[in-house]
Amino acid sequence: MEGLFLGLGRLAGLLGVLLSVVAVVLRLTGRYHIGSFGAGVVLQAGMAAILVGCFFLLCVVTSRRH
């Protein structure tokens, strides 16, 4: 279970960082929409994915303390 959470945390965090970077770069180049989604929505999705990744990694850290 610990290995699964560690992998999910890393994957979610990486996906979140990638989504955030894409949203910021496209927004700075003057594009307000990415496909049918607004740049702000993509940025929020990236932040949410980072948060989920942090939660999984926190579960791993707290399980190792016992």
PDB file of N, CA and C in Angstrom:
ATOM      1  N   MET A   1       0.832  -1.191   0.000  1.00  0.00           N
ATOM      2  CA  MET A   1       0.000   0.000   0.000  1.00  0.00           C
ATOM      3  C   MET A   1       0.875   1.251   0.000  1.00  0.00           C
ATOM      4  N   GLU A   2       1.962   1.193   0.760  1.00  0.00           N
ATOM      5  CA  GLU A   2       2.846   2.353   0.831  1.00  0.00           C
ATOM      6  C   GLU A   2       3.452   2.667  -0.528  1.00  0.00           C
ATOM      7  N   GLY A   3       3.836   1.621  -1.248  1.00  0.00           N
ATOM      8  CA  GLY A   3       4.408   1.819  -2.583  1.00  0.00           C
ATOM      9  C   GLY A   3       3.399   2.400  -3.560  1.00  0.00           C
ATOM     10  N   LEU A   4       2.156   1.962  -3.444  1.00  0.00           N
ATOM     11  CA  LEU A   4       1.097   2.482  -4.307  1.00  0.00           C
ATOM     12  C   LEU A   4       0.862   3.970  -4.035  1.00  0.00           C
ATOM     13  N   PHE A   5       0.759   4.338  -2.757  1.00  0.00           N
ATOM     14  CA  PHE A   5       0.550   5.743  -2.411  1.00  0.00           C
ATOM     15  C   PHE A   5       1.732   6.606  -2.839  1.00  0.00           C
ATOM     16  N   LEU A   6       2.937   6.076  -2.696  1.00  0.00           N
ATOM     17  CA  LEU A   6       4.127   6.816  -3.103  1.00  0.00           C
ATOM     18  C   LEU A   6       4.104   7.069  -4.608  1.00  0.00           C
ATOM     19  N   GLY A   7       3.778   6.045  -5.364  1.00  0.00           N
ATOM     20  CA  GLY A   7       3.699   6.207  -6.816  1.00  0.00           C
ATOM     21  C   GLY A   7       2.588   7.150  -7.240  1.00  0.00           C
ATOM     22  N   LEU A   8       1.415   7.014  -6.608  1.00  0.00           N
ATOM     23  CA  LEU A   8       0.301   7.910  -6.929  1.00  0.00           C
ATOM     24  C   LEU A   8       0.617   9.355  -6.564  1.00  0.00           C
ATOM     25  N   GLY A   9       1.286   9.545  -5.435  1.00  0.00           N
ATOM     26  CA  GLY A   9       1.656  10.895  -5.021  1.00  0.00           C
ATOM     27  C   GLY A   9       2.612  11.543  -5.995  1.00  0.00           C
ATOM     28  N   ARG A  10       3.599  10.776  -6.423  1.00  0.00           N
ATOM     29  CA  ARG A  10       4.567  11.316  -7.388  1.00  0.00           C
ATOM     30  C   ARG A  10       3.910  11.599  -8.732  1.00  0.00           C
ATOM     31  N   LEU A  11       3.055  10.688  -9.182  1.00  0.00           N
ATOM     32  CA  LEU A  11       2.381  10.867 -10.470  1.00  0.00           C
ATOM     33  C   LEU A  11       1.433  12.061 -10.450  1.00  0.00           C
ATOM     34  N   ALA A  12       0.650  12.176  -9.393  1.00  0.00           N
ATOM     35  CA  ALA A  12      -0.287  13.301  -9.288  1.00  0.00           C
ATOM     36  C   ALA A  12       0.468  14.622  -9.188  1.00  0.00           C
ATOM     37  N   GLY A  13       1.550  14.639  -8.427  1.00  0.00           N
ATOM     38  CA  GLY A  13       2.341  15.862  -8.310  1.00  0.00           C
ATOM     39  C   GLY A  13       2.968  16.270  -9.631  1.00  0.00           C
ATOM     40  N   LEU A  14       3.500  15.312 -10.358  1.00  0.00           N
ATOM     41  CA  LEU A  14       4.108  15.606 -11.654  1.00  0.00           C
ATOM     42  C   LEU A  14       3.060  16.097 -12.648  1.00  0.00           C
ATOM     43  N   LEU A  15       1.913  15.452 -12.665  1.00  0.00           N
ATOM     44  CA  LEU A  15       0.829  15.883 -13.546  1.00  0.00           C
ATOM     45  C   LEU A  15       0.375  17.299 -13.190  1.00  0.00           C
ATOM     46  N   GLY A  16       0.280  17.580 -11.906  1.00  0.00           N
ATOM     47  CA  GLY A  16      -0.125  18.910 -11.465  1.00  0.00           C
ATOM     48  C   GLY A  16       0.860  19.989 -11.867  1.00  0.00           C
ATOM     49  N   VAL A  17       2.132  19.690 -11.717  1.00  0.00           N
ATOM     50  CA  VAL A  17       3.153  20.669 -12.114  1.00  0.00           C
ATOM     51  C   VAL A  17       3.104  20.903 -13.620  1.00  0.00           C
ATOM     52  N   LEU A  18       2.952  19.833 -14.387  1.00  0.00           N
ATOM     53  CA  LEU A  18       2.880  19.985 -15.837  1.00  0.00           C
ATOM     54  C   LEU A  18       1.661  20.802 -16.264  1.00  0.00           C
ATOM     55  N   LEU A  19       0.506  20.515 -15.676  1.00  0.00           N
ATOM     56  CA  LEU A  19      -0.695  21.288 -15.999  1.00  0.00           C
ATOM     57  C   LEU A  19      -0.525  22.760 -15.635  1.00  0.00           C
ATOM     58  N   SER A  20       0.066  23.025 -14.485  1.00  0.00           N
ATOM     59  CA  SER A  20       0.265  24.405 -14.052  1.00  0.00           C
ATOM     60  C   SER A  20       1.223  25.149 -14.977  1.00  0.00           C
ATOM     61  N   VAL A  21       2.294  24.487 -15.362  1.00  0.00           N
ATOM     62  CA  VAL A  21       3.263  25.129 -16.252  1.00  0.00           C
ATOM     63  C   VAL A  21       2.637  25.414 -17.610  1.00  0.00           C
ATOM     64  N   VAL A  22       1.892  24.456 -18.148  1.00  0.00           N
ATOM     65  CA  VAL A  22       1.229  24.666 -19.438  1.00  0.00           C
ATOM     66  C   VAL A  22       0.267  25.843 -19.349  1.00  0.00           C
ATOM     67  N   ALA A  23      -0.522  25.905 -18.288  1.00  0.00           N
ATOM     68  CA  ALA A  23      -1.489  26.993 -18.142  1.00  0.00           C
ATOM     69  C   ALA A  23      -0.799  28.345 -18.037  1.00  0.00           C
ATOM     70  N   VAL A  24       0.264  28.414 -17.265  1.00  0.00           N
ATOM     71  CA  VAL A  24       0.961  29.691 -17.076  1.00  0.00           C
ATOM     72  C   VAL A  24       1.655  30.131 -18.365  1.00  0.00           C
ATOM     73  N   VAL A  25       2.321  29.208 -19.039  1.00  0.00           N
ATOM     74  CA  VAL A  25       3.035  29.575 -20.271  1.00  0.00           C
ATOM     75  C   VAL A  25       2.059  30.028 -21.356  1.00  0.00           C
ATOM     76  N   LEU A  26       0.985  29.295 -21.533  1.00  0.00           N
ATOM     77  CA  LEU A  26       0.019  29.699 -22.552  1.00  0.00           C
ATOM     78  C   LEU A  26      -0.666  31.012 -22.195  1.00  0.00           C
ATOM     79  N   ARG A  27      -0.911  31.225 -20.928  1.00  0.00           N
ATOM     80  CA  ARG A  27      -1.535  32.488 -20.499  1.00  0.00           C
ATOM     81  C   ARG A  27      -0.589  33.665 -20.726  1.00  0.00           C
ATOM     82  N   LEU A  28       0.702  33.445 -20.478  1.00  0.00           N
ATOM     83  CA  LEU A  28       1.674  34.519 -20.690  1.00  0.00           C
ATOM     84  C   LEU A  28       1.869  34.835 -22.169  1.00  0.00           C
ATOM     85  N   THR A  29       1.597  33.866 -23.037  1.00  0.00           N
ATOM     86  CA  THR A  29       1.709  34.120 -24.471  1.00  0.00           C
ATOM     87  C   THR A  29       0.438  34.729 -25.048  1.00  0.00           C
ATOM     88  N   GLY A  30      -0.564  34.982 -24.219  1.00  0.00           N
ATOM     89  CA  GLY A  30      -1.760  35.662 -24.669  1.00  0.00           C
ATOM     90  C   GLY A  30      -2.933  34.766 -24.996  1.00  0.00           C
ATOM     91  N   ARG A  31      -2.802  33.482 -24.785  1.00  0.00           N
ATOM     92  CA  ARG A  31      -3.920  32.575 -25.043  1.00  0.00           C
ATOM     93  C   ARG A  31      -4.730  32.408 -23.768  1.00  0.00           C
ATOM     94  N   TYR A  32      -6.022  32.615 -23.872  1.00  0.00           N
ATOM     95  CA  TYR A  32      -6.896  32.524 -22.712  1.00  0.00           C
ATOM     96  C   TYR A  32      -7.618  31.189 -22.629  1.00  0.00           C
ATOM     97  N   HIS A  33      -7.595  30.427 -23.719  1.00  0.00           N
ATOM     98  CA  HIS A  33      -8.282  29.142 -23.754  1.00  0.00           C
ATOM     99  C   HIS A  33      -7.332  28.057 -24.229  1.00  0.00           C
ATOM    100  N   ILE A  34      -7.448  26.904 -23.614  1.00  0.00           N
ATOM    101  CA  ILE A  34      -6.690  25.730 -24.002  1.00  0.00           C
ATOM    102  C   ILE A  34      -7.729  24.698 -24.405  1.00  0.00           C
ATOM    103  N   GLY A  35      -7.927  24.567 -25.696  1.00  0.00           N
ATOM    104  CA  GLY A  35      -9.027  23.739 -26.170  1.00  0.00           C
ATOM    105  C   GLY A  35     -10.335  24.420 -25.800  1.00  0.00           C
ATOM    106  N   SER A  36     -11.192  23.701 -25.107  1.00  0.00           N
ATOM    107  CA  SER A  36     -12.456  24.301 -24.681  1.00  0.00           C
ATOM    108  C   SER A  36     -12.413  24.751 -23.222  1.00  0.00           C
ATOM    109  N   PHE A  37     -11.245  24.688 -22.609  1.00  0.00           N
ATOM    110  CA  PHE A  37     -11.093  25.066 -21.209  1.00  0.00           C
ATOM    111  C   PHE A  37     -10.354  26.395 -21.106  1.00  0.00           C
ATOM    112  N   GLY A  38     -10.732  27.184 -20.125  1.00  0.00           N
ATOM    113  CA  GLY A  38     -10.013  28.417 -19.858  1.00  0.00           C
ATOM    114  C   GLY A  38      -8.684  28.123 -19.169  1.00  0.00           C
ATOM    115  N   ALA A  39      -7.742  29.032 -19.326  1.00  0.00           N
ATOM    116  CA  ALA A  39      -6.423  28.842 -18.728  1.00  0.00           C
ATOM    117  C   ALA A  39      -6.515  28.778 -17.204  1.00  0.00           C
ATOM    118  N   GLY A  40      -7.433  29.516 -16.618  1.00  0.00           N
ATOM    119  CA  GLY A  40      -7.616  29.485 -15.160  1.00  0.00           C
ATOM    120  C   GLY A  40      -8.109  28.138 -14.674  1.00  0.00           C
ATOM    121  N   VAL A  41      -8.968  27.504 -15.453  1.00  0.00           N
ATOM    122  CA  VAL A  41      -9.478  26.181 -15.078  1.00  0.00           C
ATOM    123  C   VAL A  41      -8.357  25.151 -15.108  1.00  0.00           C
ATOM    124  N   VAL A  42      -7.500  25.234 -16.121  1.00  0.00           N
ATOM    125  CA  VAL A  42      -6.379  24.301 -16.224  1.00  0.00           C
ATOM    126  C   VAL A  42      -5.399  24.529 -15.074  1.00  0.00           C
ATOM    127  N   LEU A  43      -5.182  25.779 -14.711  1.00  0.00           N
ATOM    128  CA  LEU A  43      -4.309  26.080 -13.577  1.00  0.00           C
ATOM    129  C   LEU A  43      -4.890  25.527 -12.277  1.00  0.00           C
ATOM    130  N   GLN A  44      -6.199  25.681 -12.092  1.00  0.00           N
ATOM    131  CA  GLN A  44      -6.835  25.135 -10.893  1.00  0.00           C
ATOM    132  C   GLN A  44      -6.758  23.608 -10.867  1.00  0.00           C
ATOM    133  N   ALA A  45      -6.901  22.970 -12.016  1.00  0.00           N
ATOM    134  CA  ALA A  45      -6.764  21.512 -12.080  1.00  0.00           C
ATOM    135  C   ALA A  45      -5.349  21.100 -11.710  1.00  0.00           C
ATOM    136  N   GLY A  46      -4.371  21.861 -12.146  1.00  0.00           N
ATOM    137  CA  GLY A  46      -2.988  21.576 -11.784  1.00  0.00           C
ATOM    138  C   GLY A  46      -2.745  21.714 -10.288  1.00  0.00           C
ATOM    139  N   MET A  47      -3.308  22.757  -9.706  1.00  0.00           N
ATOM    140  CA  MET A  47      -3.157  22.949  -8.258  1.00  0.00           C
ATOM    141  C   MET A  47      -3.861  21.847  -7.482  1.00  0.00           C
ATOM    142  N   ALA A  48      -5.013  21.408  -7.973  1.00  0.00           N
ATOM    143  CA  ALA A  48      -5.736  20.315  -7.312  1.00  0.00           C
ATOM    144  C   ALA A  48      -4.943  19.019  -7.392  1.00  0.00           C
ATOM    145  N   ALA A  49      -4.317  18.765  -8.522  1.00  0.00           N
ATOM    146  CA  ALA A  49      -3.517  17.549  -8.663  1.00  0.00           C
ATOM    147  C   ALA A  49      -2.305  17.585  -7.728  1.00  0.00           C
ATOM    148  N   ILE A  50      -1.697  18.740  -7.579  1.00  0.00           N
ATOM    149  CA  ILE A  50      -0.576  18.875  -6.641  1.00  0.00           C
ATOM    150  C   ILE A  50      -1.058  18.607  -5.221  1.00  0.00           C
ATOM    151  N   LEU A  51      -2.229  19.100  -4.875  1.00  0.00           N
ATOM    152  CA  LEU A  51      -2.794  18.873  -3.546  1.00  0.00           C
ATOM    153  C   LEU A  51      -3.054  17.392  -3.294  1.00  0.00           C
ATOM    154  N   VAL A  52      -3.593  16.702  -4.284  1.00  0.00           N
ATOM    155  CA  VAL A  52      -3.836  15.257  -4.154  1.00  0.00           C
ATOM    156  C   VAL A  52      -2.510  14.518  -3.990  1.00  0.00           C
ATOM    157  N   GLY A  53      -1.506  14.916  -4.753  1.00  0.00           N
ATOM    158  CA  GLY A  53      -0.187  14.310  -4.613  1.00  0.00           C
ATOM    159  C   GLY A  53       0.400  14.514  -3.227  1.00  0.00           C
ATOM    160  N   CYS A  54       0.223  15.711  -2.678  1.00  0.00           N
ATOM    161  CA  CYS A  54       0.695  15.994  -1.319  1.00  0.00           C
ATOM    162  C   CYS A  54      -0.020  15.118  -0.295  1.00  0.00           C
ATOM    163  N   PHE A  55      -1.316  14.900  -0.485  1.00  0.00           N
ATOM    164  CA  PHE A  55      -2.074  14.055   0.427  1.00  0.00           C
ATOM    165  C   PHE A  55      -1.541  12.619   0.420  1.00  0.00           C
ATOM    166  N   PHE A  56      -1.313  12.068  -0.771  1.00  0.00           N
ATOM    167  CA  PHE A  56      -0.782  10.702  -0.849  1.00  0.00           C
ATOM    168  C   PHE A  56       0.606  10.609  -0.215  1.00  0.00           C
ATOM    169  N   LEU A  57       1.452  11.589  -0.479  1.00  0.00           N
ATOM    170  CA  LEU A  57       2.789  11.551   0.108  1.00  0.00           C
ATOM    171  C   LEU A  57       2.734  11.739   1.620  1.00  0.00           C
ATOM    172  N   LEU A  58       1.792  12.527   2.112  1.00  0.00           N
ATOM    173  CA  LEU A  58       1.611  12.680   3.552  1.00  0.00           C
ATOM    174  C   LEU A  58       1.183  11.364   4.184  1.00  0.00           C
ATOM    175  N   CYS A  59       0.323  10.623   3.500  1.00  0.00           N
ATOM    176  CA  CYS A  59      -0.079   9.302   4.012  1.00  0.00           C
ATOM    177  C   CYS A  59       1.128   8.373   4.128  1.00  0.00           C
ATOM    178  N   VAL A  60       2.041   8.445   3.169  1.00  0.00           N
ATOM    179  CA  VAL A  60       3.244   7.611   3.219  1.00  0.00           C
ATOM    180  C   VAL A  60       4.113   8.008   4.401  1.00  0.00           C
ATOM    181  N   VAL A  61       4.308   9.303   4.581  1.00  0.00           N
ATOM    182  CA  VAL A  61       5.165   9.777   5.669  1.00  0.00           C
ATOM    183  C   VAL A  61       4.595   9.402   7.026  1.00  0.00           C
ATOM    184  N   THR A  62       3.300   9.563   7.197  1.00  0.00           N
ATOM    185  CA  THR A  62       2.711   9.246   8.508  1.00  0.00           C
ATOM    186  C   THR A  62       2.679   7.750   8.770  1.00  0.00           C
ATOM    187  N   SER A  63       2.598   6.920   7.735  1.00  0.00           N
ATOM    188  CA  SER A  63       2.615   5.482   7.958  1.00  0.00           C
ATOM    189  C   SER A  63       4.014   4.998   8.328  1.00  0.00           C
ATOM    190  N   ARG A  64       5.033   5.701   7.939  1.00  0.00           N
ATOM    191  CA  ARG A  64       6.421   5.301   8.268  1.00  0.00           C
ATOM    192  C   ARG A  64       6.803   5.671   9.695  1.00  0.00           C
ATOM    193  N   ARG A  65       6.067   6.557  10.324  1.00  0.00           N
ATOM    194  CA  ARG A  65       6.407   6.984  11.691  1.00  0.00           C
ATOM    195  C   ARG A  65       6.077   5.925  12.713  1.00  0.00           C
ATOM    196  N   HIS A  66       5.178   4.989  12.392  1.00  0.00           N
ATOM    197  CA  HIS A  66       4.752   3.991  13.375  1.00  0.00           C
ATOM    198  C   HIS A  66       5.585   2.758  13.304  1.00  0.00           C
TER     199      HIS A  66
END
